[in-house]
Structures are given as structure tokens and as C-alpha cells.
Amino acid sequence: MPTFEEITAFITEKPLATAVITLLSLIGLVLAVLVLRVAWRAVSWLFSRYVAPRPVEDVLTIVAASIATGVSAQGMWRFSGDVLGMNGPLRLLLFAFIEVAIITSAVRARRNMRENFSAGIDGIAVWALTCLTAVLSSMDARSLPEAVFRLAAPLVAAWLWERGMAIERHRIRGTGRINWRLTPERLLVRLGLAEVSDRTASEVDAHRRLTRVALAAKRAKALREAGASERKMRAALAKLDKAMDQAVEHTGLAVDPQRQEALLAQIAALYNTSALIDADPRVPWEPEADHHPVPARPALPAALAELVEEEDEDAVVFDTTPQVVSTAERAARMRAAREFWDRQIAKGIVPRTVDIAQEIGIPLPTAREYRALWKLEPQAHALIEALYQQHGIVDTGAFPAIADDGRILAGKP
């Protein structure tokens, strides 16, 4: 590094060169400031657009998956050089092709989840490609710990992706996780080592002692009614007396009204077990006593009767040749049909099957399937029920909706 005296001498001997160097330095400094400013704005925009709206766990998942993918790519870099013998630009271009395929499949699987509610074949491809890159990168490991590490890194990335997909699947479908029938908690409950409810130990002990008293009382009562011998009666009464003494001592039965009511309730239930035979519970779907049948349907106007009697299959919507459409096209048609349905329902109109088919350009069976699913929603069902109550029209998929003033809201196609 030149000393201060040397710099001073250079400036004195070559002022023009010094001025040029100073000007270029200022220009470089200004350009550096501009570049840093643009980079800061770009980073801020990316953060506000893609990072800030996401939950913290999603951001951490992406960061951890990126690190694991980098570890896997580093293993593929060594594999392509040591095993495949690639060098130079060819190695740089081709070493991470499996990682790129994994990211592509993950993006496609997320899009399939949003459009078709299932990851599909792309979700399987993510796991298959992850296992492939894990095995290949571990084959060039120099030790067992390194091989285990390179096997684990891609699988960690795939697991984080799977957990993110599970959260999104729950948001879209509204379904939860699988409730396994065989769990440690259920095994402990089955073995009597754990409680199903969150009762304390004292509550569990009190319940068991009161149950012993109720069972002992039932046993003594049954022996007395059966005319048992005096020896059996003495044994049953002694057992009842012992159970009662323990209940009074350990549960506070003599001063606790709630425990007393619980004991009486158990005794009442046990004493009247035979009454279950004569029980006559009411069936939930049994008609009420004051139920009246639906009155006779009023006669329909001629124009309305003509619309009700026509069949959807008689209407020519478009060419009936079977159509082969892609998944994206099928999802787009379903969204368009749903938007048309919502617009008509908002107007108080229940679209017919043929209306949906003509509007969207889909086959009648597909339109009928959509309509059968959507007509069960509360707003559409209310319109259908009102039409039945007012005009006696049963929903067949071909009837028009009617306004309060009698106007026909869905005409002939």
C-alpha cells in the first residue's frame, strides 16, 4: 500500500491522471449506491409480496427445504464429477437436474391441489425423485456418517413439503387428519392404566366406591327376592355394609349431596333394569301426532305445465360426441358452471340441467351431476322447497323457478 508521501507526490506530478481517477471513483460510488438502492427495493418488494403474507412456519419450511435441497445438490455435484466424469460447463449445467425436477413436480402438485383437490401423480413424483437423489448422492460418500447425512437431507426436504401440502389440503377440503384406531392412549385405556376423561384420581376413586355400593345393594336385593338362604343373605349384607363404610369414609358420602344423588341414580338404574324390556322409545322419523299430509296440488298454468313436462334429454345442447378434456379444462368448466349457478341463485332462479349445459357447453350428464350436488345447498334447497309448497312441482332437474307474482323465471331453452 503506498504511503501518504507517495500519494502526495503522485498528485503533484500527475494532476490530470489524479482528476480522472477521482472522477471515475465518484461515478463508481454513485453507481454502487444506485445498485444497492435497486437491490434493496427489489428485496423489499419480494419480502412484502411473498414472505410477509405467509405464516412464520411456512417461511421456515421453505428455508429449511432450500438448505436440504442445497445439501442434496452438493452431493449430486460430487457424484457427477467422481462417478460420471463430468467437468467444466457440462458439469455445471447437468449436476442438479433431479433437484430441478423435484421443485417442478412440487410446484405442479401444489397447483393440482388448488385446482383438483389432490396432488395427483406429481405428489408421487416428488417422493420418487427425492429417494433417487438421496441414493445417488449417498453412493459417493466417503464414510458411513456422510452417507446417512446425504440420505437424510433430501428426505427432510420432502417431509417438510408434505407437511405444507397437508396444511393446504386441510384448508381446501376442510378435512382433518386420520384418527388411528390403534394408539398408545387407546391401549392404555384398554388396559385400565389411563382414563378416557380428564377426571382426577379422587373423582375416579369416589365413582368406583359408589358403584361398589350400588352393585352390592342390587346383589342383596336380588338374593332377598329370590328367597336365598340366611348364610347368603348375611354374606351379601356384610359386603354391602363394608362397601358403604368405605364410601362414607373415602368419598364424603354423608355430607356431599352430589355424591348422594349419584349413588341414588346408580341404584335406581340398577333396580329397574328389567324395565328396559318394556321401553317404547320414539323413532326419530316417526310422524308427529298433529302431522297433516300435504294438500292436493293446485292446477298449473298451461305454459308452466309444458315447461315442467319437457325432458332435458329432448333438448339438443351441442354435439353429443364424447369429449376428452384435460384436468385443467375440466376444472375451468366446473368453475364456470359454479359461477353461473351462483348468479342464478342470487336472482332467485334455480337453473335447470339443460340451462347449465347450454351456458357452459358441457354434456348433460356432467351438468346433471353438478346440479344434483349444488341443489342440496341451503339457498337452492329453500327455493326448491318453496316451489314445491306453492305449486306442487317436484324437482326433476327440468322445472323452472317461479317468482312470488307467478312469473316464470327460467324459460324454455
Protein backbone atom coordinates (compact mmCIF):
# COMPACT_ATOMS: atom_id res chain seq x y z
CA MET A 1 0.00 0.00 0.00
CA PRO A 2 1.51 3.41 -0.98
CA THR A 3 2.39 5.83 1.77
CA PHE A 4 0.90 9.27 2.20
CA GLU A 5 4.07 10.92 0.84
CA GLU A 6 3.94 8.77 -2.32
CA ILE A 7 0.27 9.64 -2.90
CA THR A 8 1.04 13.36 -2.45
CA ALA A 9 3.94 13.17 -4.89
CA PHE A 10 1.76 11.36 -7.48
CA ILE A 11 -0.93 14.03 -7.23
CA THR A 12 1.73 16.79 -7.65
CA GLU A 13 3.40 15.14 -10.63
CA LYS A 14 0.22 13.93 -12.45
CA PRO A 15 -2.75 16.18 -11.63
CA LEU A 16 -4.69 15.21 -14.79
CA ALA A 17 -4.50 11.48 -14.05
CA THR A 18 -5.47 12.19 -10.45
CA ALA A 19 -8.56 14.10 -11.60
CA VAL A 20 -9.61 11.28 -13.94
CA ILE A 21 -9.15 8.67 -11.20
CA THR A 22 -11.15 10.79 -8.75
CA LEU A 23 -13.98 11.27 -11.28
CA LEU A 24 -14.14 7.57 -12.06
CA SER A 25 -14.18 6.76 -8.35
CA LEU A 26 -17.12 9.12 -7.78
CA ILE A 27 -19.01 7.61 -10.73
CA GLY A 28 -18.35 4.11 -9.38
CA LEU A 29 -19.53 5.15 -5.93
CA VAL A 30 -22.74 6.64 -7.35
CA LEU A 31 -23.38 3.50 -9.41
CA ALA A 32 -22.78 1.32 -6.35
CA VAL A 33 -25.29 3.39 -4.34
CA LEU A 34 -27.86 3.10 -7.17
CA VAL A 35 -27.34 -0.65 -7.46
CA LEU A 36 -27.70 -1.10 -3.70
CA ARG A 37 -30.86 1.03 -3.74
CA VAL A 38 -32.42 -1.01 -6.56
CA ALA A 39 -31.43 -4.24 -4.84
CA TRP A 40 -32.97 -3.03 -1.56
CA ARG A 41 -36.20 -2.10 -3.30
CA ALA A 42 -36.32 -5.46 -5.07
CA VAL A 43 -35.73 -7.34 -1.82
CA SER A 44 -38.36 -5.24 -0.03
CA TRP A 45 -40.89 -5.89 -2.80
CA LEU A 46 -40.18 -9.62 -2.77
CA PHE A 47 -40.47 -9.71 1.01
CA SER A 48 -43.78 -7.82 1.07
CA ARG A 49 -45.16 -9.86 -1.85
CA TYR A 50 -44.13 -13.40 -0.98
CA VAL A 51 -42.78 -13.53 2.60
CA ALA A 52 -44.85 -11.13 4.72
CA PRO A 53 -48.30 -12.65 3.83
CA ARG A 54 -47.12 -16.16 4.73
CA PRO A 55 -47.17 -17.58 8.27
CA VAL A 56 -43.84 -17.95 10.04
CA GLU A 57 -43.98 -21.75 9.84
CA ASP A 58 -44.34 -21.65 6.04
CA VAL A 59 -41.31 -19.35 5.70
CA LEU A 60 -39.22 -21.59 7.97
CA THR A 61 -40.37 -24.63 5.99
CA ILE A 62 -39.20 -23.06 2.72
CA VAL A 63 -35.83 -22.05 4.23
CA ALA A 64 -35.20 -25.49 5.72
CA ALA A 65 -36.25 -27.24 2.50
CA SER A 66 -33.94 -24.96 0.49
CA ILE A 67 -30.99 -25.82 2.74
CA ALA A 68 -31.73 -29.55 2.47
CA THR A 69 -32.04 -29.25 -1.32
CA GLY A 70 -28.67 -27.46 -1.41
CA VAL A 71 -27.07 -30.31 0.54
CA SER A 72 -28.55 -32.80 -1.92
CA ALA A 73 -27.34 -30.73 -4.89
CA GLN A 74 -23.81 -30.64 -3.44
CA GLY A 75 -23.85 -34.44 -3.25
CA MET A 76 -25.01 -34.64 -6.88
CA TRP A 77 -22.16 -32.25 -7.82
CA ARG A 78 -19.62 -34.67 -6.41
CA PHE A 79 -21.44 -37.66 -7.93
CA SER A 80 -21.44 -36.11 -11.41
CA GLY A 81 -17.70 -35.38 -11.16
CA ASP A 82 -16.41 -38.54 -9.46
CA VAL A 83 -18.75 -41.16 -10.95
CA LEU A 84 -19.92 -39.69 -14.28
CA GLY A 85 -16.66 -37.88 -15.04
CA MET A 86 -18.28 -34.53 -15.93
CA ASN A 87 -16.08 -31.42 -15.91
CA GLY A 88 -16.42 -27.77 -16.72
CA PRO A 89 -19.62 -26.21 -18.06
CA LEU A 90 -21.26 -29.59 -18.72
CA ARG A 91 -21.00 -30.49 -15.04
CA LEU A 92 -22.35 -27.09 -14.03
CA LEU A 93 -25.40 -27.44 -16.31
CA LEU A 94 -26.35 -31.04 -15.59
CA PHE A 95 -25.44 -31.85 -11.97
CA ALA A 96 -28.73 -30.67 -10.38
CA PHE A 97 -31.28 -31.86 -12.93
CA ILE A 98 -33.01 -34.12 -10.38
CA GLU A 99 -33.36 -31.26 -7.87
CA VAL A 100 -34.89 -29.08 -10.60
CA ALA A 101 -37.31 -31.91 -11.43
CA ILE A 102 -38.25 -32.21 -7.74
CA ILE A 103 -39.02 -28.49 -7.48
CA THR A 104 -41.03 -28.61 -10.73
CA SER A 105 -43.07 -31.59 -9.51
CA ALA A 106 -43.68 -29.89 -6.16
CA VAL A 107 -45.00 -26.74 -7.86
CA ARG A 108 -47.25 -28.81 -10.14
CA ALA A 109 -48.54 -30.84 -7.18
CA ARG A 110 -49.45 -27.64 -5.31
CA ARG A 111 -51.31 -26.35 -8.37
CA ASN A 112 -53.17 -29.65 -8.71
CA MET A 113 -54.13 -29.42 -5.04
CA ARG A 114 -55.64 -25.97 -5.53
CA GLU A 115 -57.48 -26.83 -8.76
CA ASN A 116 -58.38 -30.53 -8.38
CA PHE A 117 -58.08 -31.01 -4.59
CA SER A 118 -55.40 -33.70 -4.98
CA ALA A 119 -51.63 -33.68 -5.55
CA GLY A 120 -52.00 -36.45 -8.13
CA ILE A 121 -49.08 -38.14 -9.86
CA ASP A 122 -46.85 -35.12 -9.25
CA GLY A 123 -47.03 -35.70 -5.50
CA ILE A 124 -45.81 -39.27 -6.01
CA ALA A 125 -43.07 -37.98 -8.32
CA VAL A 126 -41.73 -35.69 -5.58
CA TRP A 127 -41.13 -38.64 -3.26
CA ALA A 128 -39.77 -40.89 -6.01
CA LEU A 129 -37.27 -38.28 -7.25
CA THR A 130 -36.30 -37.43 -3.67
CA CYS A 131 -35.44 -41.06 -2.92
CA LEU A 132 -33.49 -41.26 -6.19
CA THR A 133 -31.32 -38.21 -5.50
CA ALA A 134 -30.78 -39.34 -1.89
CA VAL A 135 -29.49 -42.74 -3.02
CA LEU A 136 -27.28 -41.32 -5.79
CA SER A 137 -25.69 -38.62 -3.62
CA SER A 138 -25.01 -41.13 -0.80
CA MET A 139 -23.32 -43.59 -3.18
CA ASP A 140 -20.33 -41.23 -3.50
CA ALA A 141 -19.97 -40.76 0.27
CA ARG A 142 -16.55 -41.38 1.81
CA SER A 143 -17.86 -42.65 5.17
CA LEU A 144 -20.99 -44.12 6.75
CA PRO A 145 -21.95 -40.90 8.63
CA GLU A 146 -21.68 -38.92 5.41
CA ALA A 147 -23.84 -41.45 3.56
CA VAL A 148 -26.53 -41.27 6.28
CA PHE A 149 -26.43 -37.46 6.19
CA ARG A 150 -26.81 -37.35 2.41
CA LEU A 151 -29.66 -39.85 2.60
CA ALA A 152 -31.46 -37.82 5.25
CA ALA A 153 -31.18 -34.33 3.71
CA PRO A 154 -33.49 -34.86 0.66
CA LEU A 155 -35.97 -36.84 2.75
CA VAL A 156 -36.17 -33.96 5.25
CA ALA A 157 -36.93 -31.56 2.38
CA ALA A 158 -39.65 -33.88 1.05
CA TRP A 159 -41.16 -34.27 4.52
CA LEU A 160 -41.35 -30.51 5.01
CA TRP A 161 -43.05 -30.20 1.61
CA GLU A 162 -45.52 -32.94 2.56
CA ARG A 163 -46.43 -31.18 5.81
CA GLY A 164 -47.04 -27.92 3.94
CA MET A 165 -49.27 -29.77 1.48
CA ALA A 166 -51.18 -31.37 4.36
CA ILE A 167 -51.96 -27.94 5.84
CA GLU A 168 -53.12 -26.64 2.46
CA ARG A 169 -55.16 -29.80 1.87
CA HIS A 170 -56.91 -29.21 5.18
CA ARG A 171 -57.65 -25.59 4.25
CA ILE A 172 -59.15 -26.53 0.88
CA ARG A 173 -61.05 -29.69 1.78
CA GLY A 174 -61.88 -28.85 5.37
CA THR A 175 -60.87 -32.34 6.44
CA GLY A 176 -58.58 -33.28 9.27
CA ARG A 177 -56.01 -35.95 9.78
CA ILE A 178 -56.69 -39.68 10.09
CA ASN A 179 -57.85 -40.83 13.53
CA TRP A 180 -55.97 -44.08 14.09
CA ARG A 181 -57.83 -46.83 15.93
CA LEU A 182 -54.64 -48.21 17.49
CA THR A 183 -52.82 -45.54 19.53
CA PRO A 184 -50.82 -45.63 22.78
CA GLU A 185 -53.60 -43.72 24.55
CA ARG A 186 -56.26 -46.23 23.50
CA LEU A 187 -54.05 -49.16 24.52
CA LEU A 188 -53.52 -47.67 28.00
CA VAL A 189 -57.26 -47.05 28.38
CA ARG A 190 -57.99 -50.62 27.26
CA LEU A 191 -55.54 -51.99 29.84
CA GLY A 192 -57.10 -49.83 32.57
CA LEU A 193 -53.95 -47.75 33.06
CA ALA A 194 -55.46 -44.48 31.81
CA GLU A 195 -58.76 -42.62 31.94
CA VAL A 196 -60.80 -41.55 28.93
CA SER A 197 -61.95 -38.34 30.57
CA ASP A 198 -59.90 -35.74 32.42
CA ARG A 199 -61.15 -36.81 35.88
CA THR A 200 -58.80 -36.59 38.83
CA ALA A 201 -57.72 -39.61 40.85
CA SER A 202 -60.06 -38.72 43.72
CA GLU A 203 -63.06 -38.44 41.38
CA VAL A 204 -62.27 -41.83 39.80
CA ASP A 205 -61.88 -43.46 43.24
CA ALA A 206 -65.17 -41.96 44.50
CA HIS A 207 -67.04 -43.17 41.42
CA ARG A 208 -65.71 -46.71 41.84
CA ARG A 209 -66.62 -46.86 45.55
CA LEU A 210 -70.16 -45.60 44.88
CA THR A 211 -70.51 -48.18 42.12
CA ARG A 212 -69.45 -50.94 44.55
CA VAL A 213 -72.16 -49.82 46.98
CA ALA A 214 -74.84 -49.80 44.24
CA LEU A 215 -73.82 -53.25 42.95
CA ALA A 216 -73.73 -54.69 46.48
CA ALA A 217 -77.22 -53.30 47.17
CA LYS A 218 -78.55 -54.81 43.94
CA ARG A 219 -77.00 -58.18 44.84
CA ALA A 220 -78.57 -58.19 48.31
CA LYS A 221 -81.97 -57.16 46.96
CA ALA A 222 -81.87 -59.91 44.30
CA LEU A 223 -80.99 -62.57 46.89
CA ARG A 224 -83.80 -61.44 49.20
CA GLU A 225 -86.38 -61.51 46.40
CA ALA A 226 -85.17 -64.96 45.33
CA GLY A 227 -85.56 -66.34 48.89
CA ALA A 228 -81.87 -67.10 49.38
CA SER A 229 -80.58 -68.85 52.47
CA GLU A 230 -79.72 -66.93 55.64
CA ARG A 231 -75.99 -67.57 55.12
CA LYS A 232 -76.01 -65.98 51.64
CA MET A 233 -78.02 -63.02 52.92
CA ARG A 234 -75.58 -62.44 55.78
CA ALA A 235 -72.65 -62.50 53.34
CA ALA A 236 -74.39 -60.10 50.91
CA LEU A 237 -75.37 -57.70 53.72
CA ALA A 238 -71.83 -57.82 55.14
CA LYS A 239 -70.39 -56.95 51.72
CA LEU A 240 -72.91 -54.11 51.35
CA ASP A 241 -72.11 -52.79 54.82
CA LYS A 242 -68.35 -52.88 54.12
CA ALA A 243 -68.76 -51.06 50.78
CA MET A 244 -70.96 -48.44 52.45
CA ASP A 245 -68.43 -47.88 55.25
CA GLN A 246 -65.60 -47.34 52.74
CA ALA A 247 -67.75 -44.99 50.65
CA VAL A 248 -68.64 -42.85 53.68
CA GLU A 249 -65.02 -42.78 54.82
CA HIS A 250 -63.30 -42.01 51.50
CA THR A 251 -65.90 -40.12 49.43
CA GLY A 252 -67.67 -37.92 51.96
CA LEU A 253 -70.97 -39.54 51.08
CA ALA A 254 -72.65 -38.49 54.34
CA VAL A 255 -72.15 -34.73 53.73
CA ASP A 256 -71.88 -34.43 49.93
CA PRO A 257 -75.33 -34.03 48.25
CA GLN A 258 -73.91 -34.58 44.77
CA ARG A 259 -72.38 -37.91 45.75
CA GLN A 260 -75.66 -38.91 47.40
CA GLU A 261 -77.62 -38.10 44.22
CA ALA A 262 -75.09 -40.02 42.14
CA LEU A 263 -75.44 -43.10 44.37
CA LEU A 264 -79.25 -42.95 44.24
CA ALA A 265 -79.16 -42.58 40.47
CA GLN A 266 -76.97 -45.68 40.10
CA ILE A 267 -79.23 -47.69 42.44
CA ALA A 268 -82.35 -46.57 40.55
CA ALA A 269 -80.83 -47.59 37.24
CA LEU A 270 -79.67 -50.98 38.53
CA TYR A 271 -83.00 -51.76 40.27
CA ASN A 272 -85.04 -51.06 37.14
CA THR A 273 -83.00 -52.94 34.56
CA SER A 274 -85.98 -55.15 33.66
CA ALA A 275 -87.98 -52.04 32.71
CA LEU A 276 -85.83 -51.72 29.60
CA ILE A 277 -87.70 -54.65 28.10
CA ASP A 278 -90.97 -52.70 28.08
CA ALA A 279 -89.42 -49.41 26.97
CA ASP A 280 -91.07 -47.94 23.86
CA PRO A 281 -88.72 -45.24 22.57
CA ARG A 282 -89.98 -42.95 19.85
CA VAL A 283 -88.46 -43.39 16.41
CA PRO A 284 -86.87 -40.07 15.24
CA TRP A 285 -88.54 -40.28 11.82
CA GLU A 286 -91.97 -41.22 13.16
CA PRO A 287 -94.55 -38.55 12.13
CA GLU A 288 -95.92 -36.19 14.74
CA ALA A 289 -99.37 -36.72 16.20
CA ASP A 290 -100.59 -33.48 14.64
CA HIS A 291 -98.97 -34.23 11.30
CA HIS A 292 -101.15 -33.49 8.28
CA PRO A 293 -100.44 -34.66 4.74
CA VAL A 294 -99.55 -32.18 2.04
CA PRO A 295 -102.73 -30.76 0.49
CA ALA A 296 -103.65 -31.51 -3.08
CA ARG A 297 -101.51 -29.72 -5.60
CA PRO A 298 -103.15 -26.82 -7.42
CA ALA A 299 -103.54 -26.97 -11.15
CA LEU A 300 -100.66 -25.44 -13.11
CA PRO A 301 -100.96 -22.90 -15.92
CA ALA A 302 -100.66 -24.33 -19.41
CA ALA A 303 -97.32 -22.65 -20.15
CA LEU A 304 -95.89 -23.83 -16.84
CA ALA A 305 -97.16 -27.40 -17.31
CA GLU A 306 -95.49 -27.52 -20.72
CA LEU A 307 -92.15 -26.46 -19.20
CA VAL A 308 -92.40 -28.95 -16.35
CA GLU A 309 -93.26 -31.91 -18.56
CA GLU A 310 -90.41 -31.45 -21.01
CA GLU A 311 -87.37 -33.64 -20.57
CA ASP A 312 -83.76 -32.49 -20.57
CA GLU A 313 -82.71 -35.29 -22.86
CA ASP A 314 -85.01 -33.97 -25.62
CA ALA A 315 -83.12 -30.67 -25.82
CA VAL A 316 -80.19 -30.54 -28.23
CA VAL A 317 -77.40 -28.71 -26.42
CA PHE A 318 -74.38 -29.43 -28.62
CA ASP A 319 -72.66 -32.30 -30.32
CA THR A 320 -73.10 -35.39 -28.16
CA THR A 321 -69.78 -36.91 -29.23
CA PRO A 322 -67.76 -37.84 -26.13
CA GLN A 323 -65.25 -35.13 -25.30
CA VAL A 324 -61.74 -35.71 -23.97
CA VAL A 325 -60.61 -32.71 -21.96
CA SER A 326 -57.62 -32.10 -19.74
CA THR A 327 -57.77 -31.77 -15.98
CA ALA A 328 -57.25 -28.02 -16.15
CA GLU A 329 -60.04 -27.63 -18.74
CA ARG A 330 -62.40 -29.74 -16.64
CA ALA A 331 -61.64 -27.64 -13.57
CA ALA A 332 -62.19 -24.42 -15.56
CA ARG A 333 -65.59 -25.66 -16.80
CA MET A 334 -66.61 -26.60 -13.28
CA ARG A 335 -65.67 -23.14 -12.01
CA ALA A 336 -67.62 -21.50 -14.84
CA ALA A 337 -70.66 -23.67 -14.11
CA ARG A 338 -70.41 -22.79 -10.43
CA GLU A 339 -70.27 -19.05 -11.19
CA PHE A 340 -73.35 -19.35 -13.44
CA TRP A 341 -75.18 -21.30 -10.72
CA ASP A 342 -74.36 -18.69 -8.03
CA ARG A 343 -75.52 -15.82 -10.27
CA GLN A 344 -78.84 -17.52 -10.99
CA ILE A 345 -79.44 -18.48 -7.36
CA ALA A 346 -78.76 -14.87 -6.31
CA LYS A 347 -81.56 -13.83 -8.70
CA GLY A 348 -83.97 -16.38 -7.18
CA ILE A 349 -83.66 -18.78 -10.12
CA VAL A 350 -82.91 -22.49 -9.85
CA PRO A 351 -81.11 -23.33 -13.13
CA ARG A 352 -82.20 -26.44 -14.97
CA THR A 353 -79.78 -29.08 -16.12
CA VAL A 354 -80.20 -28.02 -19.72
CA ASP A 355 -79.57 -24.36 -18.77
CA ILE A 356 -76.20 -25.25 -17.22
CA ALA A 357 -75.24 -27.45 -20.17
CA GLN A 358 -76.12 -24.77 -22.75
CA GLU A 359 -74.46 -21.94 -20.84
CA ILE A 360 -71.13 -23.70 -20.22
CA GLY A 361 -71.10 -26.13 -23.18
CA ILE A 362 -70.78 -29.33 -21.18
CA PRO A 363 -72.54 -32.71 -21.57
CA LEU A 364 -75.93 -33.17 -19.95
CA PRO A 365 -74.73 -35.96 -17.59
CA THR A 366 -71.99 -33.66 -16.28
CA ALA A 367 -74.43 -30.78 -15.82
CA ARG A 368 -76.87 -33.11 -14.06
CA GLU A 369 -74.11 -34.28 -11.71
CA TYR A 370 -73.18 -30.68 -10.82
CA ARG A 371 -76.83 -29.73 -10.27
CA ALA A 372 -77.53 -32.75 -8.07
CA LEU A 373 -74.66 -31.70 -5.82
CA TRP A 374 -75.34 -27.96 -5.68
CA LYS A 375 -79.13 -28.13 -5.22
CA LEU A 376 -78.55 -29.53 -1.71
CA GLU A 377 -77.09 -26.21 -0.55
CA PRO A 378 -79.35 -24.20 1.81
CA GLN A 379 -80.27 -21.34 -0.54
CA ALA A 380 -81.03 -23.54 -3.55
CA HIS A 381 -82.89 -26.06 -1.39
CA ALA A 382 -85.05 -23.25 0.03
CA LEU A 383 -86.04 -22.16 -3.50
CA ILE A 384 -86.87 -25.75 -4.49
CA GLU A 385 -88.90 -26.28 -1.30
CA ALA A 386 -90.84 -23.05 -1.86
CA LEU A 387 -91.62 -24.11 -5.43
CA TYR A 388 -92.93 -27.44 -4.19
CA GLN A 389 -95.05 -25.94 -1.41
CA GLN A 390 -96.57 -23.24 -3.64
CA HIS A 391 -97.05 -25.11 -6.92
CA GLY A 392 -96.52 -28.79 -6.06
CA ILE A 393 -93.62 -29.18 -8.51
CA VAL A 394 -91.16 -31.96 -7.67
CA ASP A 395 -87.54 -31.27 -8.56
CA THR A 396 -86.61 -33.32 -11.63
CA GLY A 397 -83.91 -31.01 -12.97
CA ALA A 398 -86.23 -29.69 -15.69
CA PHE A 399 -88.62 -27.37 -13.81
CA PRO A 400 -88.43 -23.55 -13.89
CA ALA A 401 -88.29 -21.33 -10.80
CA ILE A 402 -91.33 -19.10 -10.15
CA ALA A 403 -91.43 -15.66 -8.54
CA ASP A 404 -93.96 -14.60 -5.90
CA ASP A 405 -96.11 -12.88 -8.55
CA GLY A 406 -96.29 -16.06 -10.65
CA ARG A 407 -93.68 -15.03 -13.24
CA ILE A 408 -91.67 -17.84 -14.78
CA LEU A 409 -88.01 -17.08 -14.11
CA ALA A 410 -86.45 -19.82 -16.25
CA GLY A 411 -87.87 -20.11 -19.75
CA LYS A 412 -87.59 -22.70 -22.40
CA PRO A 413 -84.14 -23.28 -23.86
